Amino acid sequence: MSETAVAQAAEPALQIRFAHTVDRHLVHRAAVAEVFVTDARQVGDSVYLAGAQTPLSHSYYNDHVQEPAVTDVLLVLEASRQAAVCAAHTFLDIPMDTSFLVNEVSVQLEDPDALRIGSDPGELQLLTEYPTVRMKADRARKVGVAQELTFNGRPVGVATMQVSALTKTEYKALREFQRGGEAPSTREVPAPDRSAVLAPEQVGRNVRGNVVLSSPVFDDGRLTARLTPDFANRSLFDHEYDHFPAMTLLEGARQLSLLAAFWRGRRLGRTHVLGMDAAFLRFAELDAPVTLAATMPERDANTLEVVFEQSGRVIATVSVRLAEEAASPVETGAAA
């Protein structure tokens, strides 16, 4: 993002409001509790600024074992997604009946200290541009998003996205063409068998309902697990879906990375996920097993490459970046 764009946004940034959330329909959410964007406005030529409030207590986004607690990278990414969708509808005149399909997404955060959760809800500002908007028949078809992120007044990272835009009718036709029939929804397929779900502490969680992996296997340096999320988790399944959504796959990649770190002896209480780069190649269907796999990293490696497979095909890839905080003098036994 250019220095000019940043300068254009500097003064209006003072006017961003955090008093209440935007209409849930503008961010494609069913529950108001899952809306984080509070304001969005145009601040320059094709430059938009949004605000999002991050919660102090949330059954999904604040369920982590890390101490001190930092703002969840997937919460930042969800706020980024919401800000991009909100501005697209509000300022780019993309119709509300549009289905956005995520092709690629990246979020890279820096400075865990700046992301630490304090005694007040966090204020995230998202400076957003759309470097690519490809039109066809007077409708946006491909949309690229670039965002600079500021948390409580401090720059903390960037997010980018590449999405396809379809009408509801086009989306339905695409799904039927790919499957040779209608895709079942989360209300129609049996819930995943979670009898072998991982213990929460192995993937940095406290609550079993937030664990999305089961049946881990380590063989010849390769770690695999089954994607088995809880359909009752309303942060991952805010509304009815006919596939596993991108955020559920990203949660799976995060948990497989933390499981690998845990098995390599790293302290999950000090290990954060601060970066994710993902490509979504095919829909993750609800009615066939989805397997995650990664080569086990060396003890000090901070990047894990996760591959999702279904029915013999690679459907997504995610690169996960870890960061481990240094132990305190008390933890290391050093003299005060």
Protein backbone atom coordinates (compact mmCIF):
# COMPACT_ATOMS: atom_id res chain seq x y z
CA MET A 1 0.00 0.00 0.00
CA SER A 2 1.43 3.39 -0.98
CA GLU A 3 2.59 6.11 1.39
CA THR A 4 0.02 8.37 -0.26
CA ALA A 5 -2.78 5.99 0.67
CA VAL A 6 -1.58 5.86 4.25
CA ALA A 7 -1.35 9.65 4.41
CA GLN A 8 -4.84 10.02 2.96
CA ALA A 9 -6.20 7.73 5.64
CA ALA A 10 -4.36 9.24 8.60
CA GLU A 11 -6.81 12.03 9.46
CA PRO A 12 -10.10 10.13 8.89
CA ALA A 13 -8.73 7.30 11.04
CA LEU A 14 -9.46 9.50 14.04
CA GLN A 15 -13.15 9.36 13.10
CA ILE A 16 -13.55 5.59 12.96
CA ARG A 17 -16.21 4.53 15.44
CA PHE A 18 -16.21 1.51 17.72
CA ALA A 19 -19.64 2.11 19.29
CA HIS A 20 -21.61 -0.71 17.63
CA THR A 21 -21.26 -3.30 14.90
CA VAL A 22 -22.42 -2.89 11.32
CA ASP A 23 -25.45 -4.72 9.91
CA ARG A 24 -24.67 -8.44 10.02
CA HIS A 25 -25.85 -8.87 6.43
CA LEU A 26 -23.05 -6.57 5.22
CA VAL A 27 -20.46 -9.09 6.46
CA HIS A 28 -22.40 -12.27 5.56
CA ARG A 29 -23.02 -13.35 9.15
CA ALA A 30 -26.17 -14.82 10.70
CA ALA A 31 -25.37 -14.00 14.33
CA VAL A 32 -24.75 -10.47 15.54
CA ALA A 33 -22.35 -11.94 18.12
CA GLU A 34 -20.07 -13.02 15.25
CA VAL A 35 -19.85 -9.50 13.75
CA PHE A 36 -16.68 -7.57 14.66
CA VAL A 37 -16.62 -4.67 12.17
CA THR A 38 -17.95 -1.47 13.72
CA ASP A 39 -17.43 1.11 10.99
CA ALA A 40 -16.26 1.50 7.39
CA ARG A 41 -15.69 4.61 5.32
CA GLN A 42 -13.91 5.79 2.22
CA VAL A 43 -10.79 7.78 3.08
CA GLY A 44 -9.16 8.30 -0.32
CA ASP A 45 -9.17 7.32 -3.96
CA SER A 46 -10.04 3.60 -3.79
CA VAL A 47 -8.87 3.48 -0.17
CA TYR A 48 -11.21 2.39 2.62
CA LEU A 49 -10.80 2.23 6.38
CA ALA A 50 -12.72 -0.06 8.68
CA GLY A 51 -12.72 -0.54 12.42
CA ALA A 52 -13.29 -3.77 14.31
CA GLN A 53 -13.54 -4.40 18.04
CA THR A 54 -11.89 -7.59 19.29
CA PRO A 55 -13.64 -9.23 22.27
CA LEU A 56 -12.15 -9.94 25.69
CA SER A 57 -14.26 -13.05 26.11
CA HIS A 58 -15.32 -15.25 23.21
CA SER A 59 -15.98 -18.98 23.39
CA TYR A 60 -13.91 -19.64 20.26
CA TYR A 61 -11.50 -16.79 19.59
CA ASN A 62 -10.39 -16.42 23.22
CA ASP A 63 -10.07 -20.14 23.92
CA HIS A 64 -6.28 -20.54 23.89
CA VAL A 65 -3.71 -21.79 26.39
CA GLN A 66 -1.06 -19.18 25.57
CA GLU A 67 -0.02 -16.86 28.37
CA PRO A 68 0.12 -13.95 28.10
CA ALA A 69 -2.87 -14.08 25.77
CA VAL A 70 -2.58 -12.42 22.38
CA THR A 71 -5.24 -11.59 19.82
CA ASP A 72 -6.09 -14.65 17.72
CA VAL A 73 -4.62 -14.57 14.20
CA LEU A 74 -7.88 -16.07 12.86
CA LEU A 75 -9.90 -13.39 14.64
CA VAL A 76 -7.78 -10.79 12.84
CA LEU A 77 -8.33 -12.63 9.57
CA GLU A 78 -12.10 -12.87 10.17
CA ALA A 79 -12.21 -9.13 10.89
CA SER A 80 -10.19 -8.57 7.70
CA ARG A 81 -12.67 -10.66 5.71
CA GLN A 82 -15.62 -8.81 7.21
CA ALA A 83 -14.04 -5.42 6.52
CA ALA A 84 -13.35 -6.36 2.89
CA VAL A 85 -16.89 -7.68 2.32
CA CYS A 86 -18.50 -4.70 4.05
CA ALA A 87 -16.57 -2.16 1.96
CA ALA A 88 -17.20 -4.16 -1.23
CA HIS A 89 -20.96 -3.95 -0.71
CA THR A 90 -20.95 -0.38 0.61
CA PHE A 91 -18.48 1.36 -1.69
CA LEU A 92 -17.88 -0.91 -4.70
CA ASP A 93 -21.62 -1.53 -5.22
CA ILE A 94 -21.16 -5.30 -5.33
CA PRO A 95 -24.69 -6.70 -4.91
CA MET A 96 -25.76 -8.27 -1.63
CA ASP A 97 -26.72 -11.52 -3.39
CA THR A 98 -23.05 -12.18 -4.22
CA SER A 99 -21.32 -15.34 -3.01
CA PHE A 100 -17.61 -14.79 -2.36
CA LEU A 101 -15.39 -17.84 -2.89
CA VAL A 102 -11.96 -17.58 -1.29
CA ASN A 103 -9.16 -18.67 -3.64
CA GLU A 104 -6.16 -17.43 -1.69
CA VAL A 105 -5.69 -15.73 1.65
CA SER A 106 -2.73 -14.53 3.68
CA VAL A 107 -2.38 -12.94 7.10
CA GLN A 108 1.00 -12.07 8.57
CA LEU A 109 1.23 -10.55 12.03
CA GLU A 110 4.27 -9.15 13.82
CA ASP A 111 5.07 -8.01 17.35
CA PRO A 112 3.11 -10.33 19.69
CA ASP A 113 3.58 -7.77 22.44
CA ALA A 114 1.46 -5.27 20.49
CA LEU A 115 -1.24 -7.93 20.08
CA ARG A 116 -1.54 -8.77 23.76
CA ILE A 117 -5.04 -8.74 25.17
CA GLY A 118 -5.47 -6.11 27.87
CA SER A 119 -8.26 -5.06 30.18
CA ASP A 120 -10.28 -3.37 27.42
CA PRO A 121 -11.57 -4.70 24.07
CA GLY A 122 -9.03 -4.20 21.28
CA GLU A 123 -9.48 -1.71 18.47
CA LEU A 124 -8.36 -3.00 15.09
CA GLN A 125 -8.14 -0.66 12.11
CA LEU A 126 -8.00 -2.11 8.61
CA LEU A 127 -6.79 0.09 5.75
CA THR A 128 -8.13 -1.63 2.66
CA GLU A 129 -7.53 -1.40 -1.07
CA TYR A 130 -8.80 -3.56 -3.95
CA PRO A 131 -5.84 -3.83 -6.38
CA THR A 132 -7.81 -6.21 -8.62
CA VAL A 133 -11.48 -5.92 -9.53
CA ARG A 134 -12.23 -7.79 -12.76
CA MET A 135 -15.65 -7.16 -14.24
CA LYS A 136 -17.87 -9.21 -16.55
CA ALA A 137 -21.38 -8.26 -17.61
CA ASP A 138 -21.33 -5.29 -15.21
CA ARG A 139 -20.56 -7.50 -12.21
CA ALA A 140 -17.35 -8.00 -10.27
CA ARG A 141 -15.99 -11.51 -10.90
CA LYS A 142 -12.50 -11.51 -9.39
CA VAL A 143 -11.58 -9.32 -6.44
CA GLY A 144 -8.16 -8.82 -4.88
CA VAL A 145 -7.85 -7.30 -1.40
CA ALA A 146 -4.81 -5.74 0.32
CA GLN A 147 -5.00 -4.54 3.93
CA GLU A 148 -2.69 -2.90 6.44
CA LEU A 149 -3.57 -3.67 10.05
CA THR A 150 -3.22 -1.48 13.12
CA PHE A 151 -4.11 -2.71 16.62
CA ASN A 152 -4.64 -0.19 19.41
CA GLY A 153 -2.70 2.36 17.40
CA ARG A 154 0.29 0.14 16.57
CA PRO A 155 1.00 -1.42 13.14
CA VAL A 156 0.78 -5.20 13.51
CA GLY A 157 0.71 -6.73 10.04
CA VAL A 158 -0.94 -7.22 6.67
CA ALA A 159 -3.63 -9.36 5.07
CA THR A 160 -4.37 -10.16 1.43
CA MET A 161 -7.13 -12.11 -0.31
CA GLN A 162 -8.08 -13.28 -3.78
CA VAL A 163 -11.77 -14.14 -4.17
CA SER A 164 -14.23 -15.03 -6.89
CA ALA A 165 -17.68 -13.42 -6.93
CA LEU A 166 -20.77 -15.32 -8.10
CA THR A 167 -24.48 -14.75 -7.97
CA LYS A 168 -26.42 -17.22 -5.82
CA THR A 169 -27.76 -18.84 -8.99
CA GLU A 170 -24.27 -19.17 -10.47
CA TYR A 171 -22.95 -20.63 -7.24
CA LYS A 172 -25.69 -23.26 -7.13
CA ALA A 173 -25.06 -24.18 -10.78
CA LEU A 174 -21.30 -24.48 -10.15
CA ARG A 175 -21.77 -26.80 -7.20
CA GLU A 176 -24.23 -29.02 -9.08
CA PHE A 177 -21.93 -29.16 -12.11
CA GLN A 178 -18.88 -30.15 -10.04
CA ARG A 179 -20.71 -32.82 -8.04
CA GLY A 180 -23.13 -34.05 -10.66
CA GLY A 181 -25.98 -33.15 -8.33
CA GLU A 182 -26.97 -30.98 -5.39
CA ALA A 183 -24.47 -30.66 -2.53
CA PRO A 184 -25.85 -31.63 0.91
CA SER A 185 -25.70 -29.04 3.68
CA THR A 186 -24.57 -29.12 7.30
CA ARG A 187 -28.24 -29.61 8.23
CA GLU A 188 -28.51 -32.72 6.06
CA VAL A 189 -25.29 -34.71 6.43
CA PRO A 190 -24.47 -36.65 9.61
CA ALA A 191 -22.26 -34.74 12.00
CA PRO A 192 -18.60 -35.82 11.91
CA ASP A 193 -17.65 -38.70 14.21
CA ARG A 194 -15.79 -36.95 17.03
CA SER A 195 -15.20 -40.01 19.23
CA ALA A 196 -11.43 -39.85 18.54
CA VAL A 197 -11.08 -36.07 18.72
CA LEU A 198 -7.78 -34.81 20.11
CA ALA A 199 -7.40 -33.63 23.69
CA PRO A 200 -7.71 -29.82 23.69
CA GLU A 201 -4.34 -29.25 25.39
CA GLN A 202 -2.56 -30.99 22.49
CA VAL A 203 -3.66 -28.26 20.09
CA GLY A 204 -3.54 -25.24 22.40
CA ARG A 205 -7.22 -25.26 23.36
CA ASN A 206 -9.20 -25.59 26.57
CA VAL A 207 -12.63 -26.47 25.16
CA ARG A 208 -13.27 -29.74 23.32
CA GLY A 209 -15.89 -28.15 21.08
CA ASN A 210 -13.18 -25.97 19.53
CA VAL A 211 -11.01 -28.94 18.55
CA VAL A 212 -11.40 -29.86 14.86
CA LEU A 213 -8.93 -32.77 14.49
CA SER A 214 -9.09 -36.46 15.33
CA SER A 215 -7.21 -39.74 14.79
CA PRO A 216 -3.64 -38.39 14.48
CA VAL A 217 -1.03 -40.71 12.98
CA PHE A 218 2.75 -40.22 12.92
CA ASP A 219 4.52 -42.42 10.42
CA ASP A 220 7.91 -42.05 8.74
CA GLY A 221 8.22 -38.38 9.62
CA ARG A 222 4.73 -37.50 8.40
CA LEU A 223 1.87 -36.36 10.63
CA THR A 224 -1.72 -36.85 9.49
CA ALA A 225 -5.11 -36.25 11.09
CA ARG A 226 -8.80 -36.21 10.14
CA LEU A 227 -10.83 -32.99 9.94
CA THR A 228 -13.76 -33.51 12.34
CA PRO A 229 -15.17 -30.16 13.46
CA ASP A 230 -18.25 -29.74 15.60
CA PHE A 231 -21.14 -28.42 13.49
CA ALA A 232 -22.55 -26.89 16.68
CA ASN A 233 -19.57 -24.52 16.87
CA ARG A 234 -21.28 -21.34 15.71
CA SER A 235 -18.05 -19.45 15.13
CA LEU A 236 -16.95 -21.99 12.53
CA PHE A 237 -20.48 -22.71 11.25
CA ASP A 238 -22.34 -19.45 11.68
CA HIS A 239 -24.94 -20.50 9.14
CA GLU A 240 -25.80 -23.44 6.87
CA TYR A 241 -22.98 -24.52 4.54
CA ASP A 242 -22.72 -27.05 1.70
CA HIS A 243 -18.95 -27.46 2.27
CA PHE A 244 -16.36 -27.02 5.00
CA PRO A 245 -15.68 -23.26 5.00
CA ALA A 246 -12.20 -21.81 4.58
CA MET A 247 -11.94 -20.70 8.21
CA THR A 248 -12.57 -24.28 9.37
CA LEU A 249 -9.72 -25.51 7.17
CA LEU A 250 -7.46 -22.78 8.53
CA GLU A 251 -8.31 -23.82 12.08
CA GLY A 252 -7.41 -27.38 11.15
CA ALA A 253 -4.05 -26.25 9.76
CA ARG A 254 -3.35 -24.25 12.90
CA GLN A 255 -4.16 -27.20 15.14
CA LEU A 256 -2.06 -29.66 13.12
CA SER A 257 0.87 -27.23 13.37
CA LEU A 258 0.47 -26.86 17.12
CA LEU A 259 0.11 -30.64 17.50
CA ALA A 260 3.39 -31.10 15.62
CA ALA A 261 5.03 -28.49 17.84
CA PHE A 262 3.61 -30.19 20.95
CA TRP A 263 4.94 -33.59 19.87
CA ARG A 264 8.33 -32.00 19.19
CA GLY A 265 8.44 -30.79 22.78
CA ARG A 266 7.58 -27.13 22.33
CA ARG A 267 5.58 -25.35 25.00
CA LEU A 268 2.22 -24.48 23.54
CA GLY A 269 1.67 -21.97 26.33
CA ARG A 270 4.42 -19.87 24.75
CA THR A 271 3.89 -20.74 21.07
CA HIS A 272 1.72 -18.50 18.88
CA VAL A 273 0.53 -18.81 15.30
CA LEU A 274 1.29 -15.45 13.70
CA GLY A 275 1.10 -16.16 9.99
CA MET A 276 -0.91 -18.20 7.49
CA ASP A 277 -0.76 -18.40 3.69
CA ALA A 278 -3.46 -20.55 2.10
CA ALA A 279 -4.63 -21.62 -1.34
CA PHE A 280 -8.06 -23.24 -1.70
CA LEU A 281 -8.13 -25.39 -4.84
CA ARG A 282 -11.44 -27.23 -4.55
CA PHE A 283 -14.48 -27.28 -2.29
CA ALA A 284 -14.04 -29.38 0.86
CA GLU A 285 -17.12 -31.56 0.59
CA LEU A 286 -19.06 -32.48 3.72
CA ASP A 287 -19.84 -36.07 2.74
CA ALA A 288 -16.30 -37.45 2.27
CA PRO A 289 -13.34 -37.61 4.70
CA VAL A 290 -10.86 -34.72 4.69
CA THR A 291 -7.30 -35.54 5.74
CA LEU A 292 -4.58 -33.10 6.76
CA ALA A 293 -0.91 -34.01 6.40
CA ALA A 294 2.42 -32.36 7.10
CA THR A 295 6.03 -33.38 7.41
CA MET A 296 7.07 -33.09 11.05
CA PRO A 297 9.36 -30.06 11.47
CA GLU A 298 12.63 -29.94 13.33
CA ARG A 299 12.41 -28.83 16.96
CA ASP A 300 13.18 -25.18 16.22
CA ALA A 301 11.48 -24.88 12.82
CA ASN A 302 8.84 -22.14 12.71
CA THR A 303 7.02 -23.00 9.46
CA LEU A 304 4.82 -25.99 8.69
CA GLU A 305 3.34 -26.84 5.28
CA VAL A 306 -0.10 -28.45 5.62
CA VAL A 307 -1.82 -30.26 2.74
CA PHE A 308 -5.54 -31.12 2.70
CA GLU A 309 -6.66 -34.13 0.69
CA GLN A 310 -10.09 -35.50 -0.12
CA SER A 311 -11.01 -38.40 -2.41
CA GLY A 312 -7.40 -38.63 -3.61
CA ARG A 313 -7.12 -34.95 -4.55
CA VAL A 314 -5.33 -32.02 -2.96
CA ILE A 315 -8.04 -29.51 -2.11
CA ALA A 316 -6.04 -26.90 -0.14
CA THR A 317 -2.57 -26.00 1.08
CA VAL A 318 -1.70 -23.85 4.08
CA SER A 319 1.67 -22.57 5.25
CA VAL A 320 1.60 -21.89 9.01
CA ARG A 321 4.15 -19.67 10.77
CA LEU A 322 4.82 -20.22 14.47
CA ALA A 323 6.57 -17.95 16.95
CA GLU A 324 7.71 -19.08 20.39
CA GLU A 325 8.19 -16.48 23.09
CA ALA A 326 11.37 -16.70 25.11
CA ALA A 327 11.03 -18.19 28.57
CA SER A 328 10.93 -15.81 31.50
CA PRO A 329 13.72 -15.89 34.14
CA VAL A 330 11.37 -17.77 36.48
CA GLU A 331 10.69 -20.43 33.83
CA THR A 332 14.39 -20.92 33.04
CA GLY A 333 15.45 -20.87 36.68
CA ALA A 334 17.74 -17.89 36.11
CA ALA A 335 18.59 -15.56 38.95
CA ALA A 336 16.48 -12.49 39.32
